[in-house]
mmCIF file of all heavy atoms, coordinates in Angstrom:
data_MODEL
# 
_entry.id   MODEL 
# 
loop_
_atom_site.group_PDB 
_atom_site.id 
_atom_site.type_symbol 
_atom_site.label_atom_id 
_atom_site.label_alt_id 
_atom_site.label_comp_id 
_atom_site.label_asym_id 
_atom_site.label_entity_id 
_atom_site.label_seq_id 
_atom_site.pdbx_PDB_ins_code 
_atom_site.Cartn_x 
_atom_site.Cartn_y 
_atom_site.Cartn_z 
_atom_site.occupancy 
_atom_site.B_iso_or_equiv 
_atom_site.pdbx_formal_charge 
_atom_site.auth_seq_id 
_atom_site.auth_comp_id 
_atom_site.auth_asym_id 
_atom_site.auth_atom_id 
_atom_site.pdbx_PDB_model_num 
ATOM 1   N N   . VAL A 1 1  ? 0.837  -1.155  -0.007  1.00 0.00 ? 1  VAL A N   1 
ATOM 2   C CA  . VAL A 1 1  ? -0.003 -0.016  -0.025  1.00 0.00 ? 1  VAL A CA  1 
ATOM 3   C C   . VAL A 1 1  ? 0.916  1.229   0.020   1.00 0.00 ? 1  VAL A C   1 
ATOM 4   O O   . VAL A 1 1  ? 1.680  1.465   0.940   1.00 0.00 ? 1  VAL A O   1 
ATOM 5   C CB  . VAL A 1 1  ? -0.942 0.019   1.236   1.00 0.00 ? 1  VAL A CB  1 
ATOM 6   C CG1 . VAL A 1 1  ? -1.876 1.220   1.166   1.00 0.00 ? 1  VAL A CG1 1 
ATOM 7   C CG2 . VAL A 1 1  ? -1.713 -1.271  1.349   1.00 0.00 ? 1  VAL A CG2 1 
ATOM 8   N N   . PRO A 1 2  ? 0.883  2.037   -1.044  1.00 0.00 ? 2  PRO A N   1 
ATOM 9   C CA  . PRO A 1 2  ? 1.833  3.152   -1.168  1.00 0.00 ? 2  PRO A CA  1 
ATOM 10  C C   . PRO A 1 2  ? 1.540  4.219   -0.093  1.00 0.00 ? 2  PRO A C   1 
ATOM 11  O O   . PRO A 1 2  ? 0.424  4.287   0.461   1.00 0.00 ? 2  PRO A O   1 
ATOM 12  C CB  . PRO A 1 2  ? 1.578  3.685   -2.573  1.00 0.00 ? 2  PRO A CB  1 
ATOM 13  C CG  . PRO A 1 2  ? 0.163  3.331   -2.893  1.00 0.00 ? 2  PRO A CG  1 
ATOM 14  C CD  . PRO A 1 2  ? -0.045 1.987   -2.244  1.00 0.00 ? 2  PRO A CD  1 
ATOM 15  N N   . PRO A 1 3  ? 2.482  5.083   0.153   1.00 0.00 ? 3  PRO A N   1 
ATOM 16  C CA  . PRO A 1 3  ? 2.304  6.139   1.149   1.00 0.00 ? 3  PRO A CA  1 
ATOM 17  C C   . PRO A 1 3  ? 1.259  7.185   0.799   1.00 0.00 ? 3  PRO A C   1 
ATOM 18  O O   . PRO A 1 3  ? 0.638  7.797   1.636   1.00 0.00 ? 3  PRO A O   1 
ATOM 19  C CB  . PRO A 1 3  ? 3.715  6.768   1.258   1.00 0.00 ? 3  PRO A CB  1 
ATOM 20  C CG  . PRO A 1 3  ? 4.400  6.440   -0.008  1.00 0.00 ? 3  PRO A CG  1 
ATOM 21  C CD  . PRO A 1 3  ? 3.848  5.102   -0.439  1.00 0.00 ? 3  PRO A CD  1 
ATOM 22  N N   . GLY A 1 4  ? 1.041  7.385   -0.564  1.00 0.00 ? 4  GLY A N   1 
ATOM 23  C CA  . GLY A 1 4  ? 0.013  8.310   -1.013  1.00 0.00 ? 4  GLY A CA  1 
ATOM 24  C C   . GLY A 1 4  ? -1.219 7.525   -1.441  1.00 0.00 ? 4  GLY A C   1 
ATOM 25  O O   . GLY A 1 4  ? -1.216 6.327   -1.480  1.00 0.00 ? 4  GLY A O   1 
ATOM 26  N N   . ALA A 1 5  ? -2.280 8.220   -1.840  1.00 0.00 ? 5  ALA A N   1 
ATOM 27  C CA  . ALA A 1 5  ? -3.483 7.606   -2.296  1.00 0.00 ? 5  ALA A CA  1 
ATOM 28  C C   . ALA A 1 5  ? -3.170 6.865   -3.580  1.00 0.00 ? 5  ALA A C   1 
ATOM 29  O O   . ALA A 1 5  ? -2.588 7.398   -4.488  1.00 0.00 ? 5  ALA A O   1 
ATOM 30  C CB  . ALA A 1 5  ? -4.569 8.637   -2.546  1.00 0.00 ? 5  ALA A CB  1 
ATOM 31  N N   . PRO A 1 6  ? -3.531 5.555   -3.686  1.00 0.00 ? 6  PRO A N   1 
ATOM 32  C CA  . PRO A 1 6  ? -3.245 4.811   -4.927  1.00 0.00 ? 6  PRO A CA  1 
ATOM 33  C C   . PRO A 1 6  ? -3.902 5.386   -6.095  1.00 0.00 ? 6  PRO A C   1 
ATOM 34  O O   . PRO A 1 6  ? -5.125 5.683   -6.108  1.00 0.00 ? 6  PRO A O   1 
ATOM 35  C CB  . PRO A 1 6  ? -3.783 3.437   -4.587  1.00 0.00 ? 6  PRO A CB  1 
ATOM 36  C CG  . PRO A 1 6  ? -3.885 3.345   -3.091  1.00 0.00 ? 6  PRO A CG  1 
ATOM 37  C CD  . PRO A 1 6  ? -4.204 4.721   -2.667  1.00 0.00 ? 6  PRO A CD  1 
ATOM 38  N N   . LYS A 1 7  ? -3.124 5.599   -7.190  1.00 0.00 ? 7  LYS A N   1 
ATOM 39  C CA  . LYS A 1 7  ? -3.664 6.101   -8.433  1.00 0.00 ? 7  LYS A CA  1 
ATOM 40  C C   . LYS A 1 7  ? -3.504 5.029   -9.528  1.00 0.00 ? 7  LYS A C   1 
ATOM 41  O O   . LYS A 1 7  ? -3.895 5.268   -10.679 1.00 0.00 ? 7  LYS A O   1 
ATOM 42  C CB  . LYS A 1 7  ? -2.915 7.395   -8.837  1.00 0.00 ? 7  LYS A CB  1 
ATOM 43  C CG  . LYS A 1 7  ? -3.193 8.538   -7.810  1.00 0.00 ? 7  LYS A CG  1 
ATOM 44  C CD  . LYS A 1 7  ? -2.456 9.801   -8.265  1.00 0.00 ? 7  LYS A CD  1 
ATOM 45  C CE  . LYS A 1 7  ? -2.683 10.940  -7.280  1.00 0.00 ? 7  LYS A CE  1 
ATOM 46  N NZ  . LYS A 1 7  ? -1.932 12.159  -7.632  1.00 0.00 ? 7  LYS A NZ  1 
ATOM 47  N N   . ALA A 1 8  ? -2.870 3.963   -9.202  1.00 0.00 ? 8  ALA A N   1 
ATOM 48  C CA  . ALA A 1 8  ? -2.721 2.866   -10.129 1.00 0.00 ? 8  ALA A CA  1 
ATOM 49  C C   . ALA A 1 8  ? -2.536 1.554   -9.291  1.00 0.00 ? 8  ALA A C   1 
ATOM 50  O O   . ALA A 1 8  ? -2.111 1.638   -8.136  1.00 0.00 ? 8  ALA A O   1 
ATOM 51  C CB  . ALA A 1 8  ? -1.519 3.052   -11.033 1.00 0.00 ? 8  ALA A CB  1 
ATOM 52  N N   . VAL A 1 9  ? -2.861 0.429   -9.875  1.00 0.00 ? 9  VAL A N   1 
ATOM 53  C CA  . VAL A 1 9  ? -2.723 -0.859  -9.183  1.00 0.00 ? 9  VAL A CA  1 
ATOM 54  C C   . VAL A 1 9  ? -2.133 -1.864  -10.137 1.00 0.00 ? 9  VAL A C   1 
ATOM 55  O O   . VAL A 1 9  ? -2.522 -1.936  -11.284 1.00 0.00 ? 9  VAL A O   1 
ATOM 56  C CB  . VAL A 1 9  ? -4.058 -1.329  -8.578  1.00 0.00 ? 9  VAL A CB  1 
ATOM 57  C CG1 . VAL A 1 9  ? -5.085 -1.557  -9.647  1.00 0.00 ? 9  VAL A CG1 1 
ATOM 58  C CG2 . VAL A 1 9  ? -3.838 -2.576  -7.735  1.00 0.00 ? 9  VAL A CG2 1 
ATOM 59  N N   . VAL A 1 10 ? -1.177 -2.630  -9.605  1.00 0.00 ? 10 VAL A N   1 
ATOM 60  C CA  . VAL A 1 10 ? -0.545 -3.687  -10.386 1.00 0.00 ? 10 VAL A CA  1 
ATOM 61  C C   . VAL A 1 10 ? -0.880 -5.015  -9.685  1.00 0.00 ? 10 VAL A C   1 
ATOM 62  O O   . VAL A 1 10 ? -0.474 -5.197  -8.535  1.00 0.00 ? 10 VAL A O   1 
ATOM 63  C CB  . VAL A 1 10 ? 0.984  -3.527  -10.485 1.00 0.00 ? 10 VAL A CB  1 
ATOM 64  C CG1 . VAL A 1 10 ? 1.585  -4.683  -11.299 1.00 0.00 ? 10 VAL A CG1 1 
ATOM 65  C CG2 . VAL A 1 10 ? 1.328  -2.188  -11.119 1.00 0.00 ? 10 VAL A CG2 1 
ATOM 66  N N   . PHE A 1 11 ? -1.602 -5.931  -10.370 1.00 0.00 ? 11 PHE A N   1 
ATOM 67  C CA  . PHE A 1 11 ? -1.861 -7.258  -9.857  1.00 0.00 ? 11 PHE A CA  1 
ATOM 68  C C   . PHE A 1 11 ? -0.719 -8.146  -10.323 1.00 0.00 ? 11 PHE A C   1 
ATOM 69  O O   . PHE A 1 11 ? -0.418 -8.205  -11.533 1.00 0.00 ? 11 PHE A O   1 
ATOM 70  C CB  . PHE A 1 11 ? -3.184 -7.767  -10.306 1.00 0.00 ? 11 PHE A CB  1 
ATOM 71  C CG  . PHE A 1 11 ? -4.372 -7.027  -9.723  1.00 0.00 ? 11 PHE A CG  1 
ATOM 72  C CD1 . PHE A 1 11 ? -4.927 -5.888  -10.293 1.00 0.00 ? 11 PHE A CD1 1 
ATOM 73  C CD2 . PHE A 1 11 ? -4.938 -7.522  -8.537  1.00 0.00 ? 11 PHE A CD2 1 
ATOM 74  C CE1 . PHE A 1 11 ? -5.961 -5.255  -9.747  1.00 0.00 ? 11 PHE A CE1 1 
ATOM 75  C CE2 . PHE A 1 11 ? -6.032 -6.853  -7.950  1.00 0.00 ? 11 PHE A CE2 1 
ATOM 76  C CZ  . PHE A 1 11 ? -6.547 -5.709  -8.551  1.00 0.00 ? 11 PHE A CZ  1 
ATOM 77  N N   . ALA A 1 12 ? -0.059 -8.895  -9.396  1.00 0.00 ? 12 ALA A N   1 
ATOM 78  C CA  . ALA A 1 12 ? 1.143  -9.608  -9.693  1.00 0.00 ? 12 ALA A CA  1 
ATOM 79  C C   . ALA A 1 12 ? 1.081  -11.093 -9.296  1.00 0.00 ? 12 ALA A C   1 
ATOM 80  O O   . ALA A 1 12 ? 0.643  -11.391 -8.207  1.00 0.00 ? 12 ALA A O   1 
ATOM 81  C CB  . ALA A 1 12 ? 2.342  -8.931  -9.055  1.00 0.00 ? 12 ALA A CB  1 
ATOM 82  N N   . GLY A 1 13 ? 1.583  -11.938 -10.190 1.00 0.00 ? 13 GLY A N   1 
ATOM 83  C CA  . GLY A 1 13 ? 1.827  -13.326 -9.820  1.00 0.00 ? 13 GLY A CA  1 
ATOM 84  C C   . GLY A 1 13 ? 3.121  -13.409 -9.036  1.00 0.00 ? 13 GLY A C   1 
ATOM 85  O O   . GLY A 1 13 ? 3.893  -12.487 -9.021  1.00 0.00 ? 13 GLY A O   1 
ATOM 86  N N   . ASP A 1 14 ? 3.294  -14.554 -8.330  1.00 0.00 ? 14 ASP A N   1 
ATOM 87  C CA  . ASP A 1 14 ? 4.428  -14.754 -7.496  1.00 0.00 ? 14 ASP A CA  1 
ATOM 88  C C   . ASP A 1 14 ? 4.524  -13.550 -6.501  1.00 0.00 ? 14 ASP A C   1 
ATOM 89  O O   . ASP A 1 14 ? 5.587  -12.984 -6.283  1.00 0.00 ? 14 ASP A O   1 
ATOM 90  C CB  . ASP A 1 14 ? 5.740  -14.910 -8.275  1.00 0.00 ? 14 ASP A CB  1 
ATOM 91  C CG  . ASP A 1 14 ? 5.746  -16.206 -9.045  1.00 0.00 ? 14 ASP A CG  1 
ATOM 92  O OD1 . ASP A 1 14 ? 5.141  -17.192 -8.582  1.00 0.00 ? 14 ASP A OD1 1 
ATOM 93  O OD2 . ASP A 1 14 ? 6.373  -16.210 -10.120 1.00 0.00 ? 14 ASP A OD2 1 
ATOM 94  N N   . GLY A 1 15 ? 3.413  -13.195 -5.952  1.00 0.00 ? 15 GLY A N   1 
ATOM 95  C CA  . GLY A 1 15 ? 3.313  -11.952 -5.126  1.00 0.00 ? 15 GLY A CA  1 
ATOM 96  C C   . GLY A 1 15 ? 4.072  -11.934 -3.887  1.00 0.00 ? 15 GLY A C   1 
ATOM 97  O O   . GLY A 1 15 ? 4.334  -10.878 -3.235  1.00 0.00 ? 15 GLY A O   1 
ATOM 98  N N   . GLN A 1 16 ? 4.502  -13.125 -3.355  1.00 0.00 ? 16 GLN A N   1 
ATOM 99  C CA  . GLN A 1 16 ? 5.293  -13.156 -2.150  1.00 0.00 ? 16 GLN A CA  1 
ATOM 100 C C   . GLN A 1 16 ? 6.655  -12.470 -2.390  1.00 0.00 ? 16 GLN A C   1 
ATOM 101 O O   . GLN A 1 16 ? 7.246  -12.027 -1.386  1.00 0.00 ? 16 GLN A O   1 
ATOM 102 C CB  . GLN A 1 16 ? 5.541  -14.619 -1.700  1.00 0.00 ? 16 GLN A CB  1 
ATOM 103 C CG  . GLN A 1 16 ? 6.384  -15.502 -2.599  1.00 0.00 ? 16 GLN A CG  1 
ATOM 104 C CD  . GLN A 1 16 ? 5.590  -16.155 -3.720  1.00 0.00 ? 16 GLN A CD  1 
ATOM 105 O OE1 . GLN A 1 16 ? 4.509  -15.688 -4.119  1.00 0.00 ? 16 GLN A OE1 1 
ATOM 106 N NE2 . GLN A 1 16 ? 6.087  -17.301 -4.174  1.00 0.00 ? 16 GLN A NE2 1 
ATOM 107 N N   . VAL A 1 17 ? 7.056  -12.337 -3.645  1.00 0.00 ? 17 VAL A N   1 
ATOM 108 C CA  . VAL A 1 17 ? 8.279  -11.681 -3.950  1.00 0.00 ? 17 VAL A CA  1 
ATOM 109 C C   . VAL A 1 17 ? 7.970  -10.179 -4.441  1.00 0.00 ? 17 VAL A C   1 
ATOM 110 O O   . VAL A 1 17 ? 8.551  -9.221  -3.946  1.00 0.00 ? 17 VAL A O   1 
ATOM 111 C CB  . VAL A 1 17 ? 9.062  -12.415 -5.050  1.00 0.00 ? 17 VAL A CB  1 
ATOM 112 C CG1 . VAL A 1 17 ? 10.299 -11.574 -5.539  1.00 0.00 ? 17 VAL A CG1 1 
ATOM 113 C CG2 . VAL A 1 17 ? 9.483  -13.788 -4.588  1.00 0.00 ? 17 VAL A CG2 1 
ATOM 114 N N   . VAL A 1 18 ? 7.087  -10.101 -5.430  1.00 0.00 ? 18 VAL A N   1 
ATOM 115 C CA  . VAL A 1 18 ? 6.862  -8.859  -6.115  1.00 0.00 ? 18 VAL A CA  1 
ATOM 116 C C   . VAL A 1 18 ? 6.311  -7.754  -5.191  1.00 0.00 ? 18 VAL A C   1 
ATOM 117 O O   . VAL A 1 18 ? 6.596  -6.593  -5.318  1.00 0.00 ? 18 VAL A O   1 
ATOM 118 C CB  . VAL A 1 18 ? 5.957  -8.995  -7.329  1.00 0.00 ? 18 VAL A CB  1 
ATOM 119 C CG1 . VAL A 1 18 ? 5.735  -7.716  -8.062  1.00 0.00 ? 18 VAL A CG1 1 
ATOM 120 C CG2 . VAL A 1 18 ? 6.568  -10.068 -8.281  1.00 0.00 ? 18 VAL A CG2 1 
ATOM 121 N N   . SER A 1 19 ? 5.496  -8.166  -4.213  1.00 0.00 ? 19 SER A N   1 
ATOM 122 C CA  . SER A 1 19 ? 4.851  -7.199  -3.314  1.00 0.00 ? 19 SER A CA  1 
ATOM 123 C C   . SER A 1 19 ? 5.879  -6.421  -2.489  1.00 0.00 ? 19 SER A C   1 
ATOM 124 O O   . SER A 1 19 ? 5.599  -5.338  -2.034  1.00 0.00 ? 19 SER A O   1 
ATOM 125 C CB  . SER A 1 19 ? 3.864  -7.865  -2.363  1.00 0.00 ? 19 SER A CB  1 
ATOM 126 O OG  . SER A 1 19 ? 4.539  -8.933  -1.659  1.00 0.00 ? 19 SER A OG  1 
ATOM 127 N N   . HIS A 1 20 ? 7.086  -6.948  -2.396  1.00 0.00 ? 20 HIS A N   1 
ATOM 128 C CA  . HIS A 1 20 ? 8.148  -6.320  -1.605  1.00 0.00 ? 20 HIS A CA  1 
ATOM 129 C C   . HIS A 1 20 ? 8.926  -5.257  -2.450  1.00 0.00 ? 20 HIS A C   1 
ATOM 130 O O   . HIS A 1 20 ? 9.898  -4.718  -1.941  1.00 0.00 ? 20 HIS A O   1 
ATOM 131 C CB  . HIS A 1 20 ? 9.099  -7.347  -0.967  1.00 0.00 ? 20 HIS A CB  1 
ATOM 132 C CG  . HIS A 1 20 ? 8.429  -8.168  0.072   1.00 0.00 ? 20 HIS A CG  1 
ATOM 133 N ND1 . HIS A 1 20 ? 8.493  -7.836  1.428   1.00 0.00 ? 20 HIS A ND1 1 
ATOM 134 C CD2 . HIS A 1 20 ? 7.633  -9.274  0.011   1.00 0.00 ? 20 HIS A CD2 1 
ATOM 135 C CE1 . HIS A 1 20 ? 7.792  -8.744  2.140   1.00 0.00 ? 20 HIS A CE1 1 
ATOM 136 N NE2 . HIS A 1 20 ? 7.288  -9.623  1.273   1.00 0.00 ? 20 HIS A NE2 1 
ATOM 137 N N   . TRP A 1 21 ? 8.539  -5.124  -3.657  1.00 0.00 ? 21 TRP A N   1 
ATOM 138 C CA  . TRP A 1 21 ? 9.265  -4.155  -4.574  1.00 0.00 ? 21 TRP A CA  1 
ATOM 139 C C   . TRP A 1 21 ? 8.775  -2.736  -4.449  1.00 0.00 ? 21 TRP A C   1 
ATOM 140 O O   . TRP A 1 21 ? 9.157  -1.852  -5.189  1.00 0.00 ? 21 TRP A O   1 
ATOM 141 C CB  . TRP A 1 21 ? 9.193  -4.634  -6.011  1.00 0.00 ? 21 TRP A CB  1 
ATOM 142 C CG  . TRP A 1 21 ? 9.902  -5.932  -6.279  1.00 0.00 ? 21 TRP A CG  1 
ATOM 143 C CD1 . TRP A 1 21 ? 10.687 -6.630  -5.396  1.00 0.00 ? 21 TRP A CD1 1 
ATOM 144 C CD2 . TRP A 1 21 ? 9.932  -6.646  -7.468  1.00 0.00 ? 21 TRP A CD2 1 
ATOM 145 N NE1 . TRP A 1 21 ? 11.143 -7.753  -5.953  1.00 0.00 ? 21 TRP A NE1 1 
ATOM 146 C CE2 . TRP A 1 21 ? 10.722 -7.826  -7.263  1.00 0.00 ? 21 TRP A CE2 1 
ATOM 147 C CE3 . TRP A 1 21 ? 9.326  -6.467  -8.710  1.00 0.00 ? 21 TRP A CE3 1 
ATOM 148 C CZ2 . TRP A 1 21 ? 10.925 -8.775  -8.275  1.00 0.00 ? 21 TRP A CZ2 1 
ATOM 149 C CZ3 . TRP A 1 21 ? 9.508  -7.456  -9.724  1.00 0.00 ? 21 TRP A CZ3 1 
ATOM 150 C CH2 . TRP A 1 21 ? 10.306 -8.519  -9.477  1.00 0.00 ? 21 TRP A CH2 1 
ATOM 151 N N   . GLY A 1 22 ? 7.865  -2.472  -3.513  1.00 0.00 ? 22 GLY A N   1 
ATOM 152 C CA  . GLY A 1 22 ? 7.395  -1.128  -3.298  1.00 0.00 ? 22 GLY A CA  1 
ATOM 153 C C   . GLY A 1 22 ? 8.487  -0.144  -3.004  1.00 0.00 ? 22 GLY A C   1 
ATOM 154 O O   . GLY A 1 22 ? 8.451  1.036   -3.421  1.00 0.00 ? 22 GLY A O   1 
ATOM 155 N N   . ALA A 1 23 ? 9.488  -0.621  -2.250  1.00 0.00 ? 23 ALA A N   1 
ATOM 156 C CA  . ALA A 1 23 ? 10.602 0.288   -1.955  1.00 0.00 ? 23 ALA A CA  1 
ATOM 157 C C   . ALA A 1 23 ? 11.348 0.744   -3.213  1.00 0.00 ? 23 ALA A C   1 
ATOM 158 O O   . ALA A 1 23 ? 11.859 1.875   -3.252  1.00 0.00 ? 23 ALA A O   1 
ATOM 159 C CB  . ALA A 1 23 ? 11.614 -0.414  -1.005  1.00 0.00 ? 23 ALA A CB  1 
ATOM 160 N N   . PHE A 1 24 ? 11.407 -0.096  -4.190  1.00 0.00 ? 24 PHE A N   1 
ATOM 161 C CA  . PHE A 1 24 ? 12.034 0.268   -5.468  1.00 0.00 ? 24 PHE A CA  1 
ATOM 162 C C   . PHE A 1 24 ? 11.212 1.297   -6.229  1.00 0.00 ? 24 PHE A C   1 
ATOM 163 O O   . PHE A 1 24 ? 11.750 2.194   -6.840  1.00 0.00 ? 24 PHE A O   1 
ATOM 164 C CB  . PHE A 1 24 ? 12.310 -0.954  -6.326  1.00 0.00 ? 24 PHE A CB  1 
ATOM 165 C CG  . PHE A 1 24 ? 13.318 -1.920  -5.769  1.00 0.00 ? 24 PHE A CG  1 
ATOM 166 C CD1 . PHE A 1 24 ? 12.994 -2.873  -4.849  1.00 0.00 ? 24 PHE A CD1 1 
ATOM 167 C CD2 . PHE A 1 24 ? 14.645 -1.745  -6.075  1.00 0.00 ? 24 PHE A CD2 1 
ATOM 168 C CE1 . PHE A 1 24 ? 13.894 -3.716  -4.287  1.00 0.00 ? 24 PHE A CE1 1 
ATOM 169 C CE2 . PHE A 1 24 ? 15.656 -2.566  -5.513  1.00 0.00 ? 24 PHE A CE2 1 
ATOM 170 C CZ  . PHE A 1 24 ? 15.283 -3.563  -4.635  1.00 0.00 ? 24 PHE A CZ  1 
ATOM 171 N N   . LEU A 1 25 ? 9.901  1.189   -6.121  1.00 0.00 ? 25 LEU A N   1 
ATOM 172 C CA  . LEU A 1 25 ? 8.998  2.190   -6.767  1.00 0.00 ? 25 LEU A CA  1 
ATOM 173 C C   . LEU A 1 25 ? 9.248  3.562   -6.016  1.00 0.00 ? 25 LEU A C   1 
ATOM 174 O O   . LEU A 1 25 ? 9.377  4.589   -6.693  1.00 0.00 ? 25 LEU A O   1 
ATOM 175 C CB  . LEU A 1 25 ? 7.536  1.792   -6.603  1.00 0.00 ? 25 LEU A CB  1 
ATOM 176 C CG  . LEU A 1 25 ? 7.084  0.617   -7.387  1.00 0.00 ? 25 LEU A CG  1 
ATOM 177 C CD1 . LEU A 1 25 ? 5.585  0.356   -7.118  1.00 0.00 ? 25 LEU A CD1 1 
ATOM 178 C CD2 . LEU A 1 25 ? 7.320  0.806   -8.890  1.00 0.00 ? 25 LEU A CD2 1 
ATOM 179 N N   . GLU A 1 26 ? 9.299  3.539   -4.717  1.00 0.00 ? 26 GLU A N   1 
ATOM 180 C CA  . GLU A 1 26 ? 9.498  4.786   -3.985  1.00 0.00 ? 26 GLU A CA  1 
ATOM 181 C C   . GLU A 1 26 ? 10.824 5.400   -4.308  1.00 0.00 ? 26 GLU A C   1 
ATOM 182 O O   . GLU A 1 26 ? 10.989 6.618   -4.485  1.00 0.00 ? 26 GLU A O   1 
ATOM 183 C CB  . GLU A 1 26 ? 9.366  4.475   -2.478  1.00 0.00 ? 26 GLU A CB  1 
ATOM 184 C CG  . GLU A 1 26 ? 7.970  4.137   -2.023  1.00 0.00 ? 26 GLU A CG  1 
ATOM 185 C CD  . GLU A 1 26 ? 7.889  3.742   -0.559  1.00 0.00 ? 26 GLU A CD  1 
ATOM 186 O OE1 . GLU A 1 26 ? 8.748  4.179   0.213   1.00 0.00 ? 26 GLU A OE1 1 
ATOM 187 O OE2 . GLU A 1 26 ? 6.930  3.028   -0.196  1.00 0.00 ? 26 GLU A OE2 1 
ATOM 188 N N   . ALA A 1 27 ? 11.906 4.578   -4.376  1.00 0.00 ? 27 ALA A N   1 
ATOM 189 C CA  . ALA A 1 27 ? 13.238 5.132   -4.699  1.00 0.00 ? 27 ALA A CA  1 
ATOM 190 C C   . ALA A 1 27 ? 13.287 5.714   -6.077  1.00 0.00 ? 27 ALA A C   1 
ATOM 191 O O   . ALA A 1 27 ? 14.069 6.633   -6.342  1.00 0.00 ? 27 ALA A O   1 
ATOM 192 C CB  . ALA A 1 27 ? 14.265 3.986   -4.601  1.00 0.00 ? 27 ALA A CB  1 
ATOM 193 N N   . ALA A 1 28 ? 12.436 5.197   -6.996  1.00 0.00 ? 28 ALA A N   1 
ATOM 194 C CA  . ALA A 1 28 ? 12.381 5.757   -8.340  1.00 0.00 ? 28 ALA A CA  1 
ATOM 195 C C   . ALA A 1 28 ? 11.478 6.950   -8.426  1.00 0.00 ? 28 ALA A C   1 
ATOM 196 O O   . ALA A 1 28 ? 11.303 7.533   -9.547  1.00 0.00 ? 28 ALA A O   1 
ATOM 197 C CB  . ALA A 1 28 ? 11.946 4.640   -9.344  1.00 0.00 ? 28 ALA A CB  1 
# 
């Protein structure tokens, strides 16, 4: 769940891994 109001959503397979990539979105 992003720090701001969600304006887009990505549904992901193998989510036990991909869900932890939020920090990479924030860094970008």
